N, C-alpha and C. Protein backbone atom coordinates (compact mmCIF):
# COMPACT_ATOMS: atom_id res chain seq x y z
N MET A 1 -10.89 -6.39 23.15
CA MET A 1 -11.29 -5.56 21.89
C MET A 1 -12.52 -6.38 21.20
N ALA A 2 -13.37 -5.69 20.71
CA ALA A 2 -14.49 -6.29 19.93
C ALA A 2 -14.16 -7.05 18.70
N ALA A 3 -14.93 -8.01 18.38
CA ALA A 3 -14.56 -8.80 17.14
C ALA A 3 -14.76 -7.91 15.86
N ILE A 4 -13.84 -8.01 14.94
CA ILE A 4 -14.01 -7.28 13.71
C ILE A 4 -14.68 -8.22 12.68
N ASP A 5 -15.05 -7.54 11.51
CA ASP A 5 -15.53 -8.35 10.37
C ASP A 5 -14.63 -8.51 9.26
N PHE A 6 -14.93 -9.21 8.18
CA PHE A 6 -14.12 -9.43 7.24
C PHE A 6 -13.42 -8.11 6.58
N GLU A 7 -14.46 -7.30 6.20
CA GLU A 7 -13.84 -6.09 5.58
C GLU A 7 -12.83 -5.28 6.51
N ALA A 8 -12.99 -5.21 7.84
CA ALA A 8 -11.89 -4.65 8.54
C ALA A 8 -10.80 -5.65 8.67
N ALA A 9 -10.82 -6.85 8.68
CA ALA A 9 -9.65 -7.72 8.52
C ALA A 9 -8.93 -7.45 7.32
N ARG A 10 -9.65 -7.43 6.12
CA ARG A 10 -9.00 -7.14 4.89
C ARG A 10 -8.21 -5.79 4.86
N HIS A 11 -8.78 -4.87 5.41
CA HIS A 11 -8.03 -3.63 5.52
C HIS A 11 -6.85 -3.58 6.31
N LEU A 12 -6.96 -4.35 7.42
CA LEU A 12 -5.68 -4.59 8.27
C LEU A 12 -4.61 -5.29 7.38
N ALA A 13 -4.94 -6.33 6.66
CA ALA A 13 -4.11 -7.01 5.91
C ALA A 13 -3.44 -6.18 4.86
N GLN A 14 -4.33 -5.27 4.20
CA GLN A 14 -3.73 -4.48 3.12
C GLN A 14 -2.80 -3.53 3.65
N THR A 15 -3.05 -3.08 5.01
CA THR A 15 -2.16 -1.97 5.49
C THR A 15 -0.78 -2.73 5.86
N ARG A 16 -0.88 -4.04 6.29
CA ARG A 16 0.26 -4.73 6.62
C ARG A 16 1.16 -4.97 5.27
N ILE A 17 0.67 -5.29 4.23
CA ILE A 17 1.40 -5.70 3.07
C ILE A 17 1.75 -4.38 2.35
N ALA A 18 1.11 -3.29 2.61
CA ALA A 18 1.62 -1.94 2.16
C ALA A 18 3.03 -1.72 2.83
N SER A 19 2.98 -1.93 4.14
CA SER A 19 4.25 -1.71 4.88
C SER A 19 5.39 -2.58 4.39
N HIS A 20 5.06 -3.86 4.20
CA HIS A 20 6.02 -4.86 3.70
C HIS A 20 6.67 -4.22 2.27
N ALA A 21 5.66 -3.90 1.45
CA ALA A 21 6.07 -3.41 -0.04
C ALA A 21 6.96 -2.08 0.20
N HIS A 22 6.56 -1.28 0.97
CA HIS A 22 7.38 -0.06 1.24
C HIS A 22 8.77 -0.22 1.45
N LEU A 23 9.04 -1.28 2.21
CA LEU A 23 10.50 -1.55 2.63
C LEU A 23 11.37 -1.97 1.41
N GLY A 24 10.71 -2.64 0.29
CA GLY A 24 11.34 -3.00 -0.85
C GLY A 24 11.06 -2.11 -2.08
N GLN A 25 10.27 -1.24 -1.94
CA GLN A 25 9.82 -0.35 -3.03
C GLN A 25 8.97 -1.11 -4.01
N ASP A 26 8.36 -2.10 -3.70
CA ASP A 26 7.49 -2.96 -4.54
C ASP A 26 6.03 -2.70 -4.32
N GLU A 27 5.01 -3.00 -5.10
CA GLU A 27 3.54 -2.89 -4.74
C GLU A 27 3.13 -4.39 -4.52
N PHE A 28 2.64 -4.64 -3.45
CA PHE A 28 1.99 -5.97 -3.16
C PHE A 28 0.45 -5.88 -3.19
N VAL A 29 -0.11 -6.99 -3.45
CA VAL A 29 -1.72 -6.99 -3.40
C VAL A 29 -2.12 -8.22 -2.88
N LEU A 30 -3.38 -8.19 -2.26
CA LEU A 30 -3.87 -9.45 -1.79
C LEU A 30 -4.45 -10.26 -2.92
N VAL A 31 -4.49 -11.60 -2.61
CA VAL A 31 -4.93 -12.54 -3.68
C VAL A 31 -6.25 -13.10 -3.18
N PRO A 32 -7.45 -12.55 -3.35
CA PRO A 32 -8.61 -12.73 -2.72
C PRO A 32 -9.02 -14.12 -2.88
N GLU A 33 -8.77 -14.78 -4.10
CA GLU A 33 -9.28 -16.24 -4.23
C GLU A 33 -8.52 -17.25 -3.40
N HIS A 34 -7.56 -16.77 -2.61
CA HIS A 34 -6.81 -17.64 -1.78
C HIS A 34 -7.11 -17.42 -0.20
N THR A 35 -7.83 -16.45 0.08
CA THR A 35 -8.23 -16.02 1.39
C THR A 35 -8.98 -17.15 2.11
N ARG A 36 -8.66 -17.47 3.25
CA ARG A 36 -9.23 -18.55 3.99
C ARG A 36 -9.87 -18.03 5.37
N GLU A 37 -10.98 -18.39 5.74
CA GLU A 37 -11.60 -18.03 6.91
C GLU A 37 -11.35 -19.22 7.92
N THR A 38 -11.00 -18.95 9.00
CA THR A 38 -10.73 -19.86 10.18
C THR A 38 -11.48 -19.53 11.53
N ALA A 39 -11.44 -20.40 12.47
CA ALA A 39 -11.90 -20.09 13.70
C ALA A 39 -11.26 -18.89 14.19
N ARG A 40 -9.82 -18.63 14.03
CA ARG A 40 -9.24 -17.62 14.60
C ARG A 40 -9.21 -16.45 13.82
N GLY A 41 -9.79 -16.37 12.56
CA GLY A 41 -9.81 -15.20 11.78
C GLY A 41 -9.75 -15.42 10.39
N TRP A 42 -8.98 -14.69 9.65
CA TRP A 42 -8.83 -14.87 8.25
C TRP A 42 -7.12 -14.91 7.84
N VAL A 43 -7.00 -15.64 7.02
CA VAL A 43 -5.62 -15.81 6.46
C VAL A 43 -5.52 -15.31 5.04
N PHE A 44 -4.80 -14.19 4.74
CA PHE A 44 -4.72 -13.53 3.65
C PHE A 44 -3.33 -13.76 2.92
N PHE A 45 -3.49 -14.25 1.71
CA PHE A 45 -2.12 -14.37 0.90
C PHE A 45 -1.92 -13.19 -0.03
N TYR A 46 -0.79 -12.82 -0.45
CA TYR A 46 -0.39 -11.76 -1.18
C TYR A 46 0.79 -12.15 -2.20
N ASN A 47 0.90 -11.24 -3.06
CA ASN A 47 2.03 -11.39 -3.98
C ASN A 47 2.19 -9.90 -4.60
N SER A 48 3.29 -9.79 -5.60
CA SER A 48 3.50 -8.55 -6.16
C SER A 48 2.38 -8.26 -7.16
N ARG A 49 2.05 -7.06 -7.32
CA ARG A 49 1.00 -6.76 -8.35
C ARG A 49 1.42 -7.17 -9.80
N GLU A 50 2.73 -7.08 -10.05
CA GLU A 50 2.97 -7.47 -11.37
C GLU A 50 2.71 -8.98 -11.65
N PHE A 51 3.18 -9.80 -10.70
CA PHE A 51 3.00 -11.25 -10.75
C PHE A 51 1.33 -11.51 -10.85
N VAL A 52 0.65 -10.88 -10.07
CA VAL A 52 -0.77 -11.22 -9.94
C VAL A 52 -1.49 -10.78 -11.39
N GLU A 53 -1.00 -9.65 -11.96
CA GLU A 53 -1.58 -9.04 -13.18
C GLU A 53 -1.01 -9.70 -14.40
N THR A 54 0.19 -10.13 -14.33
CA THR A 54 0.85 -10.72 -15.66
C THR A 54 1.21 -12.25 -15.60
N GLY A 55 1.36 -12.76 -14.36
CA GLY A 55 1.82 -14.10 -14.30
C GLY A 55 3.41 -14.25 -14.55
N ASN A 56 4.07 -13.06 -14.65
CA ASN A 56 5.51 -13.10 -14.88
C ASN A 56 6.20 -13.80 -13.76
N ALA A 57 6.68 -15.06 -13.78
CA ALA A 57 7.26 -15.75 -12.62
C ALA A 57 8.42 -14.89 -12.09
N SER A 58 9.13 -14.22 -12.82
CA SER A 58 10.34 -13.42 -12.19
C SER A 58 9.85 -12.45 -11.27
N ALA A 59 8.58 -11.98 -11.30
CA ALA A 59 8.11 -10.99 -10.32
C ALA A 59 7.39 -11.58 -9.09
N MET A 60 7.29 -12.95 -9.17
CA MET A 60 6.64 -13.67 -7.97
C MET A 60 7.50 -13.41 -6.76
N LEU A 61 7.06 -13.21 -5.70
CA LEU A 61 7.52 -13.21 -4.35
C LEU A 61 8.06 -14.38 -3.87
N ALA A 62 9.05 -14.41 -3.23
CA ALA A 62 9.62 -15.69 -2.53
C ALA A 62 9.90 -15.53 -0.98
N GLY A 63 9.51 -16.40 -0.16
CA GLY A 63 9.76 -16.17 1.21
C GLY A 63 8.76 -15.32 1.94
N ASN A 64 7.81 -15.02 1.40
CA ASN A 64 6.54 -14.31 2.03
C ASN A 64 5.66 -15.37 2.51
N GLY A 65 5.30 -15.25 3.93
CA GLY A 65 4.11 -15.97 4.41
C GLY A 65 3.05 -15.34 4.38
N PRO A 66 1.72 -15.85 4.51
CA PRO A 66 0.48 -15.28 4.52
C PRO A 66 0.30 -14.55 5.84
N ILE A 67 -0.72 -13.78 6.06
CA ILE A 67 -0.98 -12.84 7.11
C ILE A 67 -2.32 -13.40 7.71
N LEU A 68 -2.13 -13.60 9.13
CA LEU A 68 -3.36 -13.92 9.79
C LEU A 68 -3.83 -12.72 10.50
N VAL A 69 -5.21 -12.45 10.28
CA VAL A 69 -5.67 -11.29 11.04
C VAL A 69 -6.85 -11.92 11.92
N GLU A 70 -6.74 -11.81 13.31
CA GLU A 70 -7.50 -12.62 14.11
C GLU A 70 -8.77 -11.70 14.36
N ARG A 71 -9.68 -12.35 14.90
CA ARG A 71 -11.09 -11.72 15.05
C ARG A 71 -10.94 -10.47 15.91
N ASP A 72 -9.87 -10.41 16.82
CA ASP A 72 -9.68 -9.20 17.67
C ASP A 72 -9.01 -8.18 17.05
N GLY A 73 -8.57 -8.43 15.75
CA GLY A 73 -7.79 -7.37 15.05
C GLY A 73 -6.31 -7.45 15.05
N THR A 74 -5.83 -8.60 15.78
CA THR A 74 -4.29 -8.72 15.80
C THR A 74 -3.87 -9.31 14.44
N VAL A 75 -2.77 -8.69 13.95
CA VAL A 75 -2.29 -9.00 12.61
C VAL A 75 -0.95 -9.69 12.90
N ILE A 76 -0.84 -11.06 12.41
CA ILE A 76 0.34 -11.73 12.57
C ILE A 76 0.92 -12.25 11.18
N ASP A 77 2.20 -12.09 10.99
CA ASP A 77 2.86 -12.54 9.79
C ASP A 77 3.21 -14.03 10.02
N LEU A 78 2.58 -14.86 9.25
CA LEU A 78 2.83 -16.37 9.47
C LEU A 78 4.16 -16.74 8.85
N PRO A 79 4.85 -17.75 9.38
CA PRO A 79 6.16 -18.14 9.00
C PRO A 79 6.02 -18.94 7.71
N THR A 80 7.17 -19.11 7.13
CA THR A 80 7.16 -19.82 5.85
C THR A 80 7.75 -21.12 5.97
N HIS A 81 8.34 -21.56 7.25
CA HIS A 81 8.86 -22.92 7.26
C HIS A 81 7.75 -23.99 7.68
N CYS A 82 6.58 -23.68 7.50
CA CYS A 82 5.52 -24.68 7.75
C CYS A 82 4.36 -24.25 6.98
N ASP A 83 3.23 -24.94 6.56
CA ASP A 83 2.13 -24.51 6.10
C ASP A 83 1.22 -23.70 6.93
N TRP A 84 0.31 -22.89 6.27
CA TRP A 84 -0.36 -21.93 7.19
C TRP A 84 -1.31 -22.68 8.19
N GLU A 85 -1.86 -23.86 7.89
CA GLU A 85 -2.68 -24.51 8.78
C GLU A 85 -1.87 -24.91 10.16
N GLU A 86 -0.60 -25.31 9.87
CA GLU A 86 0.09 -25.63 11.01
C GLU A 86 0.55 -24.48 11.80
N ALA A 87 0.82 -23.40 11.04
CA ALA A 87 1.22 -22.05 11.65
C ALA A 87 0.11 -21.51 12.68
N ILE A 88 -1.11 -21.61 12.20
CA ILE A 88 -2.20 -21.01 13.02
C ILE A 88 -2.42 -21.89 14.20
N ARG A 89 -1.96 -23.19 14.19
CA ARG A 89 -2.21 -23.97 15.31
C ARG A 89 -1.23 -23.81 16.53
N THR A 90 -0.12 -23.22 16.05
CA THR A 90 1.03 -22.95 16.97
C THR A 90 0.85 -21.59 17.54
N PRO A 91 0.68 -21.56 18.96
CA PRO A 91 0.64 -20.36 19.63
C PRO A 91 1.85 -19.35 19.49
């Protein structure tokens, strides 16, 4: 598969978090200021819309890892048992 650009990666990440949100009937949004570009692709962080917009700690997600979108378009939900840098080093 050909390499994708940032906008395509962002779209894939938004699609993934929308599917996660649908399961719980919440609305999740990407937190752009936390996005990181790596050699493998982009790491996208997300949270509930309510938390991002209001800072209401009771609306903050817990147990959600960031999403890695690799340069070939592969989307991977990163684990929460380690930091994201370690997670992307682990095959």
